[in-house]
């Protein structure tokens, strides 16, 4: 295989007509240039220069190889620039996963910031439930995914993943406008909703489990009449007077016919994390996490609080899983 360094030196020698002048242009000694040309001649199996008493004369083969080498060197230079851009995060590919409510409220501004700061990067997005996204991160099909965990439904994440806290959502009680539970001066009492029809997510989901545990703390089990994992459907049913519900802050969208009250008597939250393989060294990861931190701060409001303890991706890694098990 031909050595690219030797080909570069050949081009300089052919252009300058001298080992000494080529040495000055490349930063080598004349002896080093001579040795490189000799090694190239051995590799191609034929002399490339006629050595004369007062100089050298390129052969026809030298001119031919030098002309073709210019094309190859240009390709290698382009490859080096591309690799440098990828390593420094100016280009490359980042594969993101998200669950629906984060995909609607958190992801757009983060992706917009990421594409603004890294216009040469390719950002791919996939949306699914956290349990479907986790295996993709573990296998390397995704670089980063957003997941959630309810306080009352603890989770332990796979040990090979780094957990990066983003935001904390207040759980919100939704009731139809004019509901009798709103008449209390000290705020809504969840026990007043014991006989109501409830709208919940599908059985076995973290949201449904959290609802039953919250209600159990108020000594009743909710009578679930309708189920949907689409929070637009849930809120539409509440606004239409078909029932009441508890949803996380990211899911809440104000609409006519419905009132939202923070769940204050039973402090409980849903927390959003970014997960990535600790062994993943994609240079775009840090930029993506910075963008999600910024997006979380922009969302901070009545029902969503950014995690101010996380400013940026640390140089080594974010908080390990073990440090977060009590939090989630």
C-alpha atoms as a PDB file:
ATOM      1  CA  UNK A   1       0.000   0.000   0.000  1.00  0.00           C
ATOM      2  CA  UNK A   2       1.326   3.431  -0.919  1.00  0.00           C
ATOM      3  CA  UNK A   3       2.121   5.771   1.965  1.00  0.00           C
ATOM      4  CA  UNK A   4       0.150   9.065   1.660  1.00  0.00           C
ATOM      5  CA  UNK A   5       3.050  10.916   3.298  1.00  0.00           C
ATOM      6  CA  UNK A   6       5.414   9.695   0.578  1.00  0.00           C
ATOM      7  CA  UNK A   7       2.946  10.728  -2.114  1.00  0.00           C
ATOM      8  CA  UNK A   8       2.702  14.238  -0.654  1.00  0.00           C
ATOM      9  CA  UNK A   9       6.495  14.464  -0.667  1.00  0.00           C
ATOM     10  CA  UNK A  10       6.636  13.238  -4.267  1.00  0.00           C
ATOM     11  CA  UNK A  11       4.255  16.006  -5.358  1.00  0.00           C
ATOM     12  CA  UNK A  12       6.436  18.632  -3.676  1.00  0.00           C
ATOM     13  CA  UNK A  13       9.617  17.273  -5.251  1.00  0.00           C
ATOM     14  CA  UNK A  14       8.049  17.209  -8.728  1.00  0.00           C
ATOM     15  CA  UNK A  15       6.749  20.773  -8.288  1.00  0.00           C
ATOM     16  CA  UNK A  16      10.014  22.209  -6.912  1.00  0.00           C
ATOM     17  CA  UNK A  17      12.439  20.034  -8.911  1.00  0.00           C
ATOM     18  CA  UNK A  18      14.674  19.575  -5.888  1.00  0.00           C
ATOM     19  CA  UNK A  19      14.883  17.472  -2.743  1.00  0.00           C
ATOM     20  CA  UNK A  20      16.265  20.466  -0.832  1.00  0.00           C
ATOM     21  CA  UNK A  21      13.512  22.868  -1.917  1.00  0.00           C
ATOM     22  CA  UNK A  22      10.843  20.231  -1.218  1.00  0.00           C
ATOM     23  CA  UNK A  23      12.377  19.754   2.236  1.00  0.00           C
ATOM     24  CA  UNK A  24      12.059  23.473   3.006  1.00  0.00           C
ATOM     25  CA  UNK A  25       8.372  23.454   1.953  1.00  0.00           C
ATOM     26  CA  UNK A  26       7.474  20.330   3.910  1.00  0.00           C
ATOM     27  CA  UNK A  27       9.569  20.969   7.017  1.00  0.00           C
ATOM     28  CA  UNK A  28      11.719  17.850   6.596  1.00  0.00           C
ATOM     29  CA  UNK A  29      15.448  17.593   6.009  1.00  0.00           C
ATOM     30  CA  UNK A  30      16.726  16.918   2.497  1.00  0.00           C
ATOM     31  CA  UNK A  31      17.928  13.522   3.735  1.00  0.00           C
ATOM     32  CA  UNK A  32      14.421  12.652   5.014  1.00  0.00           C
ATOM     33  CA  UNK A  33      12.892  13.651   1.677  1.00  0.00           C
ATOM     34  CA  UNK A  34      15.414  11.483  -0.163  1.00  0.00           C
ATOM     35  CA  UNK A  35      14.608   8.532   2.092  1.00  0.00           C
ATOM     36  CA  UNK A  36      10.841   8.949   1.539  1.00  0.00           C
ATOM     37  CA  UNK A  37      11.294   9.034  -2.246  1.00  0.00           C
ATOM     38  CA  UNK A  38      13.501   5.930  -2.064  1.00  0.00           C
ATOM     39  CA  UNK A  39      10.827   4.114  -0.037  1.00  0.00           C
ATOM     40  CA  UNK A  40       8.175   5.135  -2.594  1.00  0.00           C
ATOM     41  CA  UNK A  41      10.365   3.864  -5.435  1.00  0.00           C
ATOM     42  CA  UNK A  42      10.661   0.498  -3.675  1.00  0.00           C
ATOM     43  CA  UNK A  43       6.869   0.398  -3.228  1.00  0.00           C
ATOM     44  CA  UNK A  44       6.088   1.096  -6.903  1.00  0.00           C
ATOM     45  CA  UNK A  45       8.993  -1.007  -8.174  1.00  0.00           C
ATOM     46  CA  UNK A  46      10.599   1.556 -10.476  1.00  0.00           C
ATOM     47  CA  UNK A  47      12.851   4.640 -10.235  1.00  0.00           C
ATOM     48  CA  UNK A  48      11.011   7.947 -10.111  1.00  0.00           C
ATOM     49  CA  UNK A  49      13.976  10.284 -10.510  1.00  0.00           C
ATOM     50  CA  UNK A  50      17.192  10.298 -12.464  1.00  0.00           C
ATOM     51  CA  UNK A  51      19.910  11.292 -10.032  1.00  0.00           C
ATOM     52  CA  UNK A  52      22.476  13.581 -11.642  1.00  0.00           C
ATOM     53  CA  UNK A  53      25.555  15.259 -10.277  1.00  0.00           C
ATOM     54  CA  UNK A  54      23.887  18.646  -9.963  1.00  0.00           C
ATOM     55  CA  UNK A  55      20.239  17.687  -9.358  1.00  0.00           C
ATOM     56  CA  UNK A  56      17.414  15.303 -10.134  1.00  0.00           C
ATOM     57  CA  UNK A  57      15.120  14.769 -13.092  1.00  0.00           C
ATOM     58  CA  UNK A  58      11.572  13.319 -12.629  1.00  0.00           C
ATOM     59  CA  UNK A  59      10.744  10.334 -14.799  1.00  0.00           C
ATOM     60  CA  UNK A  60       7.513  10.010 -16.727  1.00  0.00           C
ATOM     61  CA  UNK A  61       6.254   7.661 -14.032  1.00  0.00           C
ATOM     62  CA  UNK A  62       6.945  10.329 -11.384  1.00  0.00           C
ATOM     63  CA  UNK A  63       4.806  12.831 -13.287  1.00  0.00           C
ATOM     64  CA  UNK A  64       2.017  10.268 -13.710  1.00  0.00           C
ATOM     65  CA  UNK A  65       1.971   9.254 -10.029  1.00  0.00           C
ATOM     66  CA  UNK A  66       2.204  12.883  -8.849  1.00  0.00           C
ATOM     67  CA  UNK A  67      -0.783  13.868 -10.985  1.00  0.00           C
ATOM     68  CA  UNK A  68      -2.926  11.021  -9.655  1.00  0.00           C
ATOM     69  CA  UNK A  69      -1.623  11.602  -6.119  1.00  0.00           C
ATOM     70  CA  UNK A  70      -2.996  15.169  -6.130  1.00  0.00           C
ATOM     71  CA  UNK A  71      -6.509  13.736  -6.532  1.00  0.00           C
ATOM     72  CA  UNK A  72      -5.981  11.215  -3.731  1.00  0.00           C
ATOM     73  CA  UNK A  73      -4.464  13.827  -1.412  1.00  0.00           C
ATOM     74  CA  UNK A  74      -7.446  16.132  -1.984  1.00  0.00           C
ATOM     75  CA  UNK A  75      -9.798  13.277  -1.018  1.00  0.00           C
ATOM     76  CA  UNK A  76      -7.737  12.519   2.105  1.00  0.00           C
ATOM     77  CA  UNK A  77      -7.700  16.193   3.084  1.00  0.00           C
ATOM     78  CA  UNK A  78     -11.480  16.289   2.748  1.00  0.00           C
ATOM     79  CA  UNK A  79     -11.802  13.114   4.835  1.00  0.00           C
ATOM     80  CA  UNK A  80      -9.563  14.606   7.543  1.00  0.00           C
ATOM     81  CA  UNK A  81     -11.729  17.747   7.664  1.00  0.00           C
ATOM     82  CA  UNK A  82     -14.893  15.657   7.896  1.00  0.00           C
ATOM     83  CA  UNK A  83     -13.441  13.535  10.713  1.00  0.00           C
ATOM     84  CA  UNK A  84     -12.336  16.670  12.559  1.00  0.00           C
ATOM     85  CA  UNK A  85     -15.846  18.133  12.246  1.00  0.00           C
ATOM     86  CA  UNK A  86     -17.418  14.938  13.602  1.00  0.00           C
ATOM     87  CA  UNK A  87     -14.948  14.645  16.493  1.00  0.00           C
ATOM     88  CA  UNK A  88     -15.497  18.296  17.434  1.00  0.00           C
ATOM     89  CA  UNK A  89     -19.292  17.966  17.136  1.00  0.00           C
ATOM     90  CA  UNK A  90     -19.707  20.327  14.170  1.00  0.00           C
ATOM     91  CA  UNK A  91     -21.254  17.543  12.103  1.00  0.00           C
ATOM     92  CA  UNK A  92     -22.162  13.880  12.552  1.00  0.00           C
ATOM     93  CA  UNK A  93     -25.399  12.160  13.520  1.00  0.00           C
ATOM     94  CA  UNK A  94     -27.370  12.108  16.766  1.00  0.00           C
ATOM     95  CA  UNK A  95     -30.286   9.701  17.240  1.00  0.00           C
ATOM     96  CA  UNK A  96     -32.826  10.876  19.815  1.00  0.00           C
ATOM     97  CA  UNK A  97     -35.731   9.068  21.466  1.00  0.00           C
ATOM     98  CA  UNK A  98     -38.614  10.713  23.291  1.00  0.00           C
ATOM     99  CA  UNK A  99     -42.000   9.928  24.820  1.00  0.00           C
ATOM    100  CA  UNK A 100     -45.037  11.832  23.439  1.00  0.00           C
ATOM    101  CA  UNK A 101     -45.541  14.657  25.972  1.00  0.00           C
ATOM    102  CA  UNK A 102     -41.836  15.534  25.991  1.00  0.00           C
ATOM    103  CA  UNK A 103     -41.882  15.262  22.210  1.00  0.00           C
ATOM    104  CA  UNK A 104     -44.538  17.956  22.095  1.00  0.00           C
ATOM    105  CA  UNK A 105     -43.321  20.349  24.802  1.00  0.00           C
ATOM    106  CA  UNK A 106     -39.590  19.798  25.395  1.00  0.00           C
ATOM    107  CA  UNK A 107     -38.028  18.365  22.247  1.00  0.00           C
ATOM    108  CA  UNK A 108     -38.900  21.037  19.619  1.00  0.00           C
ATOM    109  CA  UNK A 109     -37.009  23.889  21.259  1.00  0.00           C
ATOM    110  CA  UNK A 110     -34.072  21.601  22.156  1.00  0.00           C
ATOM    111  CA  UNK A 111     -33.774  20.324  18.588  1.00  0.00           C
ATOM    112  CA  UNK A 112     -34.091  23.869  17.218  1.00  0.00           C
ATOM    113  CA  UNK A 113     -31.221  25.000  19.460  1.00  0.00           C
ATOM    114  CA  UNK A 114     -29.133  21.987  18.503  1.00  0.00           C
ATOM    115  CA  UNK A 115     -29.589  22.539  14.766  1.00  0.00           C
ATOM    116  CA  UNK A 116     -28.829  26.244  15.196  1.00  0.00           C
ATOM    117  CA  UNK A 117     -25.579  25.596  17.069  1.00  0.00           C
ATOM    118  CA  UNK A 118     -24.587  22.580  14.926  1.00  0.00           C
ATOM    119  CA  UNK A 119     -26.042  23.186  11.442  1.00  0.00           C
ATOM    120  CA  UNK A 120     -23.943  20.404   9.921  1.00  0.00           C
ATOM    121  CA  UNK A 121     -25.308  17.732  12.268  1.00  0.00           C
ATOM    122  CA  UNK A 122     -28.002  15.236  11.293  1.00  0.00           C
ATOM    123  CA  UNK A 123     -30.638  14.844  14.030  1.00  0.00           C
ATOM    124  CA  UNK A 124     -32.887  11.773  13.895  1.00  0.00           C
ATOM    125  CA  UNK A 125     -35.926  11.486  16.186  1.00  0.00           C
ATOM    126  CA  UNK A 126     -37.961   8.485  17.280  1.00  0.00           C
ATOM    127  CA  UNK A 127     -41.032   8.592  19.553  1.00  0.00           C
ATOM    128  CA  UNK A 128     -42.265   5.760  21.772  1.00  0.00           C
ATOM    129  CA  UNK A 129     -42.897   4.867  25.400  1.00  0.00           C
ATOM    130  CA  UNK A 130     -39.827   4.718  27.683  1.00  0.00           C
ATOM    131  CA  UNK A 131     -39.891   0.917  27.989  1.00  0.00           C
ATOM    132  CA  UNK A 132     -39.683   0.682  24.195  1.00  0.00           C
ATOM    133  CA  UNK A 133     -36.883   3.245  23.954  1.00  0.00           C
ATOM    134  CA  UNK A 134     -34.586   1.826  26.638  1.00  0.00           C
ATOM    135  CA  UNK A 135     -33.545  -1.302  24.665  1.00  0.00           C
ATOM    136  CA  UNK A 136     -32.704   0.893  21.679  1.00  0.00           C
ATOM    137  CA  UNK A 137     -30.329   2.985  23.802  1.00  0.00           C
ATOM    138  CA  UNK A 138     -28.761  -0.149  25.302  1.00  0.00           C
ATOM    139  CA  UNK A 139     -28.162  -1.633  21.839  1.00  0.00           C
ATOM    140  CA  UNK A 140     -26.773   1.645  20.500  1.00  0.00           C
ATOM    141  CA  UNK A 141     -29.641   2.275  18.072  1.00  0.00           C
ATOM    142  CA  UNK A 142     -30.292   5.548  19.936  1.00  0.00           C
ATOM    143  CA  UNK A 143     -27.672   7.896  21.349  1.00  0.00           C
ATOM    144  CA  UNK A 144     -29.977   9.606  23.835  1.00  0.00           C
ATOM    145  CA  UNK A 145     -33.539   9.128  25.025  1.00  0.00           C
ATOM    146  CA  UNK A 146     -35.928  11.009  27.281  1.00  0.00           C
ATOM    147  CA  UNK A 147     -37.766   8.961  29.899  1.00  0.00           C
ATOM    148  CA  UNK A 148     -39.929   9.670  32.939  1.00  0.00           C
ATOM    149  CA  UNK A 149     -40.517   8.238  36.388  1.00  0.00           C
ATOM    150  CA  UNK A 150     -43.300   8.935  38.921  1.00  0.00           C
ATOM    151  CA  UNK A 151     -42.344   9.452  42.560  1.00  0.00           C
ATOM    152  CA  UNK A 152     -44.830   6.768  43.610  1.00  0.00           C
ATOM    153  CA  UNK A 153     -43.659   4.285  40.957  1.00  0.00           C
ATOM    154  CA  UNK A 154     -39.897   3.939  41.556  1.00  0.00           C
ATOM    155  CA  UNK A 155     -37.669   2.804  38.713  1.00  0.00           C
ATOM    156  CA  UNK A 156     -34.143   1.475  38.521  1.00  0.00           C
ATOM    157  CA  UNK A 157     -32.483   2.188  35.181  1.00  0.00           C
ATOM    158  CA  UNK A 158     -29.999  -0.190  33.484  1.00  0.00           C
ATOM    159  CA  UNK A 159     -26.567   0.117  35.070  1.00  0.00           C
ATOM    160  CA  UNK A 160     -24.775   0.785  31.779  1.00  0.00           C
ATOM    161  CA  UNK A 161     -26.773   3.981  31.260  1.00  0.00           C
ATOM    162  CA  UNK A 162     -26.021   7.433  32.649  1.00  0.00           C
ATOM    163  CA  UNK A 163     -29.059   9.262  34.082  1.00  0.00           C
ATOM    164  CA  UNK A 164     -29.247  13.010  33.524  1.00  0.00           C
ATOM    165  CA  UNK A 165     -32.107  14.862  35.366  1.00  0.00           C
ATOM    166  CA  UNK A 166     -33.923  17.498  33.311  1.00  0.00           C
ATOM    167  CA  UNK A 167     -37.241  18.640  34.764  1.00  0.00           C
ATOM    168  CA  UNK A 168     -39.749  17.930  37.529  1.00  0.00           C
ATOM    169  CA  UNK A 169     -43.474  18.001  36.739  1.00  0.00           C
ATOM    170  CA  UNK A 170     -46.214  18.715  39.250  1.00  0.00           C
ATOM    171  CA  UNK A 171     -49.151  16.311  38.967  1.00  0.00           C
ATOM    172  CA  UNK A 172     -52.329  18.203  38.111  1.00  0.00           C
ATOM    173  CA  UNK A 173     -55.929  17.369  39.033  1.00  0.00           C
ATOM    174  CA  UNK A 174     -58.330  18.085  36.167  1.00  0.00           C
ATOM    175  CA  UNK A 175     -62.023  18.635  36.822  1.00  0.00           C
ATOM    176  CA  UNK A 176     -64.819  20.100  34.676  1.00  0.00           C
ATOM    177  CA  UNK A 177     -65.512  23.818  35.101  1.00  0.00           C
ATOM    178  CA  UNK A 178     -68.002  24.425  37.922  1.00  0.00           C
ATOM    179  CA  UNK A 179     -67.306  21.092  39.620  1.00  0.00           C
ATOM    180  CA  UNK A 180     -68.505  21.001  43.256  1.00  0.00           C
ATOM    181  CA  UNK A 181     -65.002  20.158  44.527  1.00  0.00           C
ATOM    182  CA  UNK A 182     -63.898  23.646  43.451  1.00  0.00           C
ATOM    183  CA  UNK A 183     -66.108  25.335  46.037  1.00  0.00           C
ATOM    184  CA  UNK A 184     -63.748  24.661  48.934  1.00  0.00           C
ATOM    185  CA  UNK A 185     -61.931  27.796  50.029  1.00  0.00           C
ATOM    186  CA  UNK A 186     -58.769  25.861  50.928  1.00  0.00           C
ATOM    187  CA  UNK A 187     -58.443  24.183  47.534  1.00  0.00           C
ATOM    188  CA  UNK A 188     -59.583  20.876  46.140  1.00  0.00           C
ATOM    189  CA  UNK A 189     -59.661  17.818  48.437  1.00  0.00           C
ATOM    190  CA  UNK A 190     -58.951  14.633  46.484  1.00  0.00           C
ATOM    191  CA  UNK A 191     -61.276  12.723  48.821  1.00  0.00           C
ATOM    192  CA  UNK A 192     -64.154  14.783  47.381  1.00  0.00           C
ATOM    193  CA  UNK A 193     -63.553  12.989  44.083  1.00  0.00           C
ATOM    194  CA  UNK A 194     -63.906   9.485  45.495  1.00  0.00           C
ATOM    195  CA  UNK A 195     -67.273   8.879  43.824  1.00  0.00           C
ATOM    196  CA  UNK A 196     -66.348  10.457  40.494  1.00  0.00           C
ATOM    197  CA  UNK A 197     -65.745   8.659  37.234  1.00  0.00           C
ATOM    198  CA  UNK A 198     -62.027   8.784  36.469  1.00  0.00           C
ATOM    199  CA  UNK A 199     -60.147   8.997  33.190  1.00  0.00           C
ATOM    200  CA  UNK A 200     -56.817   7.155  33.340  1.00  0.00           C
ATOM    201  CA  UNK A 201     -54.086   5.729  31.144  1.00  0.00           C
ATOM    202  CA  UNK A 202     -54.053   2.052  30.244  1.00  0.00           C
ATOM    203  CA  UNK A 203     -53.696  -0.585  32.992  1.00  0.00           C
ATOM    204  CA  UNK A 204     -50.122  -1.361  33.955  1.00  0.00           C
ATOM    205  CA  UNK A 205     -48.749   2.017  32.906  1.00  0.00           C
ATOM    206  CA  UNK A 206     -46.808   4.115  35.414  1.00  0.00           C
ATOM    207  CA  UNK A 207     -49.464   6.846  35.188  1.00  0.00           C
ATOM    208  CA  UNK A 208     -52.288   4.461  36.070  1.00  0.00           C
ATOM    209  CA  UNK A 209     -50.277   2.920  38.925  1.00  0.00           C
ATOM    210  CA  UNK A 210     -49.450   6.376  40.284  1.00  0.00           C
ATOM    211  CA  UNK A 211     -53.141   7.369  40.185  1.00  0.00           C
ATOM    212  CA  UNK A 212     -54.201   4.335  42.246  1.00  0.00           C
ATOM    213  CA  UNK A 213     -51.458   4.936  44.813  1.00  0.00           C
ATOM    214  CA  UNK A 214     -52.342   8.614  45.158  1.00  0.00           C
ATOM    215  CA  UNK A 215     -56.008   7.769  45.674  1.00  0.00           C
ATOM    216  CA  UNK A 216     -55.099   5.012  48.136  1.00  0.00           C
ATOM    217  CA  UNK A 217     -53.371   7.667  50.256  1.00  0.00           C
ATOM    218  CA  UNK A 218     -56.815   9.326  50.462  1.00  0.00           C
ATOM    219  CA  UNK A 219     -58.472   6.007  51.389  1.00  0.00           C
ATOM    220  CA  UNK A 220     -60.334   5.301  48.154  1.00  0.00           C
ATOM    221  CA  UNK A 221     -59.837   3.487  44.870  1.00  0.00           C
ATOM    222  CA  UNK A 222     -60.714   5.459  41.727  1.00  0.00           C
ATOM    223  CA  UNK A 223     -63.608   4.222  39.585  1.00  0.00           C
ATOM    224  CA  UNK A 224     -61.934   4.291  36.173  1.00  0.00           C
ATOM    225  CA  UNK A 225     -64.546   4.680  33.447  1.00  0.00           C
ATOM    226  CA  UNK A 226     -62.339   5.652  30.494  1.00  0.00           C
ATOM    227  CA  UNK A 227     -58.752   4.895  29.549  1.00  0.00           C
ATOM    228  CA  UNK A 228     -56.424   6.491  27.032  1.00  0.00           C
ATOM    229  CA  UNK A 229     -52.675   7.052  26.759  1.00  0.00           C
ATOM    230  CA  UNK A 230     -53.385  10.149  24.670  1.00  0.00           C
ATOM    231  CA  UNK A 231     -53.563  13.118  27.033  1.00  0.00           C
ATOM    232  CA  UNK A 232     -55.532  15.150  24.478  1.00  0.00           C
ATOM    233  CA  UNK A 233     -58.256  12.497  24.728  1.00  0.00           C
ATOM    234  CA  UNK A 234     -58.048  12.476  28.539  1.00  0.00           C
ATOM    235  CA  UNK A 235     -58.422  16.253  28.758  1.00  0.00           C
ATOM    236  CA  UNK A 236     -61.158  16.278  26.146  1.00  0.00           C
ATOM    237  CA  UNK A 237     -63.191  13.838  28.223  1.00  0.00           C
ATOM    238  CA  UNK A 238     -62.713  15.948  31.364  1.00  0.00           C
ATOM    239  CA  UNK A 239     -63.657  19.162  29.544  1.00  0.00           C
ATOM    240  CA  UNK A 240     -66.786  17.437  28.238  1.00  0.00           C
ATOM    241  CA  UNK A 241     -67.795  16.527  31.806  1.00  0.00           C
ATOM    242  CA  UNK A 242     -67.234  12.797  31.400  1.00  0.00           C
ATOM    243  CA  UNK A 243     -64.903  12.451  34.386  1.00  0.00           C
ATOM    244  CA  UNK A 244     -61.899  13.746  36.300  1.00  0.00           C
ATOM    245  CA  UNK A 245     -58.213  12.947  35.889  1.00  0.00           C
ATOM    246  CA  UNK A 246     -54.670  13.483  37.144  1.00  0.00           C
ATOM    247  CA  UNK A 247     -52.045  14.325  34.523  1.00  0.00           C
ATOM    248  CA  UNK A 248     -48.378  15.425  34.652  1.00  0.00           C
ATOM    249  CA  UNK A 249     -47.490  19.060  34.051  1.00  0.00           C
ATOM    250  CA  UNK A 250     -46.091  18.559  30.539  1.00  0.00           C
ATOM    251  CA  UNK A 251     -49.361  16.979  29.440  1.00  0.00           C
ATOM    252  CA  UNK A 252     -51.595  19.815  30.634  1.00  0.00           C
ATOM    253  CA  UNK A 253     -52.978  22.143  27.962  1.00  0.00           C
ATOM    254  CA  UNK A 254     -55.529  24.808  29.026  1.00  0.00           C
ATOM    255  CA  UNK A 255     -58.906  24.410  27.374  1.00  0.00           C
ATOM    256  CA  UNK A 256     -62.457  25.616  27.822  1.00  0.00           C
ATOM    257  CA  UNK A 257     -64.615  23.533  30.159  1.00  0.00           C
ATOM    258  CA  UNK A 258     -61.774  22.299  32.362  1.00  0.00           C
ATOM    259  CA  UNK A 259     -59.924  23.530  35.471  1.00  0.00           C
ATOM    260  CA  UNK A 260     -56.461  22.369  36.569  1.00  0.00           C
ATOM    261  CA  UNK A 261     -55.311  22.392  40.199  1.00  0.00           C
ATOM    262  CA  UNK A 262     -51.863  21.257  41.443  1.00  0.00           C
ATOM    263  CA  UNK A 263     -51.930  18.078  43.506  1.00  0.00           C
ATOM    264  CA  UNK A 264     -50.826  19.693  46.767  1.00  0.00           C
ATOM    265  CA  UNK A 265     -52.197  17.439  49.513  1.00  0.00           C
ATOM    266  CA  UNK A 266     -50.212  14.433  48.277  1.00  0.00           C
ATOM    267  CA  UNK A 267     -46.939  15.889  46.999  1.00  0.00           C
ATOM    268  CA  UNK A 268     -45.995  13.752  44.044  1.00  0.00           C
ATOM    269  CA  UNK A 269     -44.214  14.457  40.810  1.00  0.00           C
ATOM    270  CA  UNK A 270     -43.188  12.974  37.513  1.00  0.00           C
ATOM    271  CA  UNK A 271     -39.535  13.535  36.710  1.00  0.00           C
ATOM    272  CA  UNK A 272     -37.986  13.608  33.239  1.00  0.00           C
ATOM    273  CA  UNK A 273     -34.479  12.297  32.583  1.00  0.00           C
ATOM    274  CA  UNK A 274     -32.172  11.980  29.608  1.00  0.00           C
ATOM    275  CA  UNK A 275     -30.498   8.566  29.394  1.00  0.00           C
ATOM    276  CA  UNK A 276     -27.465   7.572  27.344  1.00  0.00           C
ATOM    277  CA  UNK A 277     -24.887   4.813  27.373  1.00  0.00           C
ATOM    278  CA  UNK A 278     -21.971   5.823  29.572  1.00  0.00           C
ATOM    279  CA  UNK A 279     -19.630   4.285  26.971  1.00  0.00           C
ATOM    280  CA  UNK A 280     -21.106   6.427  24.161  1.00  0.00           C
ATOM    281  CA  UNK A 281     -18.619   9.136  23.168  1.00  0.00           C
ATOM    282  CA  UNK A 282     -20.660  10.793  20.412  1.00  0.00           C
ATOM    283  CA  UNK A 283     -19.377  14.413  20.455  1.00  0.00           C
ATOM    284  CA  UNK A 284     -22.933  15.704  19.917  1.00  0.00           C
ATOM    285  CA  UNK A 285     -24.143  14.264  23.240  1.00  0.00           C
ATOM    286  CA  UNK A 286     -22.906  17.201  25.306  1.00  0.00           C
ATOM    287  CA  UNK A 287     -24.475  19.716  22.930  1.00  0.00           C
ATOM    288  CA  UNK A 288     -27.787  17.810  23.033  1.00  0.00           C
ATOM    289  CA  UNK A 289     -27.861  17.722  26.835  1.00  0.00           C
ATOM    290  CA  UNK A 290     -27.061  21.435  27.001  1.00  0.00           C
ATOM    291  CA  UNK A 291     -29.948  22.082  24.583  1.00  0.00           C
ATOM    292  CA  UNK A 292     -32.369  20.038  26.715  1.00  0.00           C
ATOM    293  CA  UNK A 293     -31.276  21.859  29.871  1.00  0.00           C
ATOM    294  CA  UNK A 294     -32.016  25.179  28.133  1.00  0.00           C
ATOM    295  CA  UNK A 295     -35.375  23.874  26.882  1.00  0.00           C
ATOM    296  CA  UNK A 296     -36.274  22.788  30.430  1.00  0.00           C
ATOM    297  CA  UNK A 297     -35.551  26.265  31.775  1.00  0.00           C
ATOM    298  CA  UNK A 298     -37.716  27.820  29.065  1.00  0.00           C
ATOM    299  CA  UNK A 299     -40.602  25.541  30.111  1.00  0.00           C
ATOM    300  CA  UNK A 300     -40.302  26.415  33.780  1.00  0.00           C
ATOM    301  CA  UNK A 301     -43.663  27.622  34.989  1.00  0.00           C
ATOM    302  CA  UNK A 302     -46.685  26.732  37.055  1.00  0.00           C
ATOM    303  CA  UNK A 303     -46.554  22.961  36.624  1.00  0.00           C
ATOM    304  CA  UNK A 304     -43.003  22.345  35.348  1.00  0.00           C
ATOM    305  CA  UNK A 305     -39.757  23.071  37.186  1.00  0.00           C
ATOM    306  CA  UNK A 306     -36.316  22.837  35.602  1.00  0.00           C
ATOM    307  CA  UNK A 307     -33.723  20.908  37.566  1.00  0.00           C
ATOM    308  CA  UNK A 308     -31.379  23.734  38.548  1.00  0.00           C
ATOM    309  CA  UNK A 309     -28.839  21.292  39.996  1.00  0.00           C
ATOM    310  CA  UNK A 310     -27.837  20.268  36.477  1.00  0.00           C
ATOM    311  CA  UNK A 311     -26.174  23.029  34.441  1.00  0.00           C
ATOM    312  CA  UNK A 312     -24.415  21.086  31.725  1.00  0.00           C
ATOM    313  CA  UNK A 313     -23.056  17.640  30.979  1.00  0.00           C
ATOM    314  CA  UNK A 314     -20.059  17.133  33.289  1.00  0.00           C
ATOM    315  CA  UNK A 315     -16.680  16.456  31.739  1.00  0.00           C
ATOM    316  CA  UNK A 316     -16.746  12.794  32.790  1.00  0.00           C
ATOM    317  CA  UNK A 317     -20.422  11.808  33.141  1.00  0.00           C
ATOM    318  CA  UNK A 318     -23.675  12.831  34.812  1.00  0.00           C
ATOM    319  CA  UNK A 319     -25.052  11.400  38.056  1.00  0.00           C
ATOM    320  CA  UNK A 320     -24.814   7.578  38.114  1.00  0.00           C
ATOM    321  CA  UNK A 321     -27.935   5.459  38.429  1.00  0.00           C
ATOM    322  CA  UNK A 322     -27.310   4.527  42.038  1.00  0.00           C
ATOM    323  CA  UNK A 323     -27.415   8.166  43.146  1.00  0.00           C
ATOM    324  CA  UNK A 324     -30.897   8.600  41.725  1.00  0.00           C
ATOM    325  CA  UNK A 325     -32.728   5.505  42.906  1.00  0.00           C
ATOM    326  CA  UNK A 326     -34.123   7.280  45.965  1.00  0.00           C
ATOM    327  CA  UNK A 327     -35.197  10.270  43.871  1.00  0.00           C
ATOM    328  CA  UNK A 328     -37.263   8.257  41.412  1.00  0.00           C
END
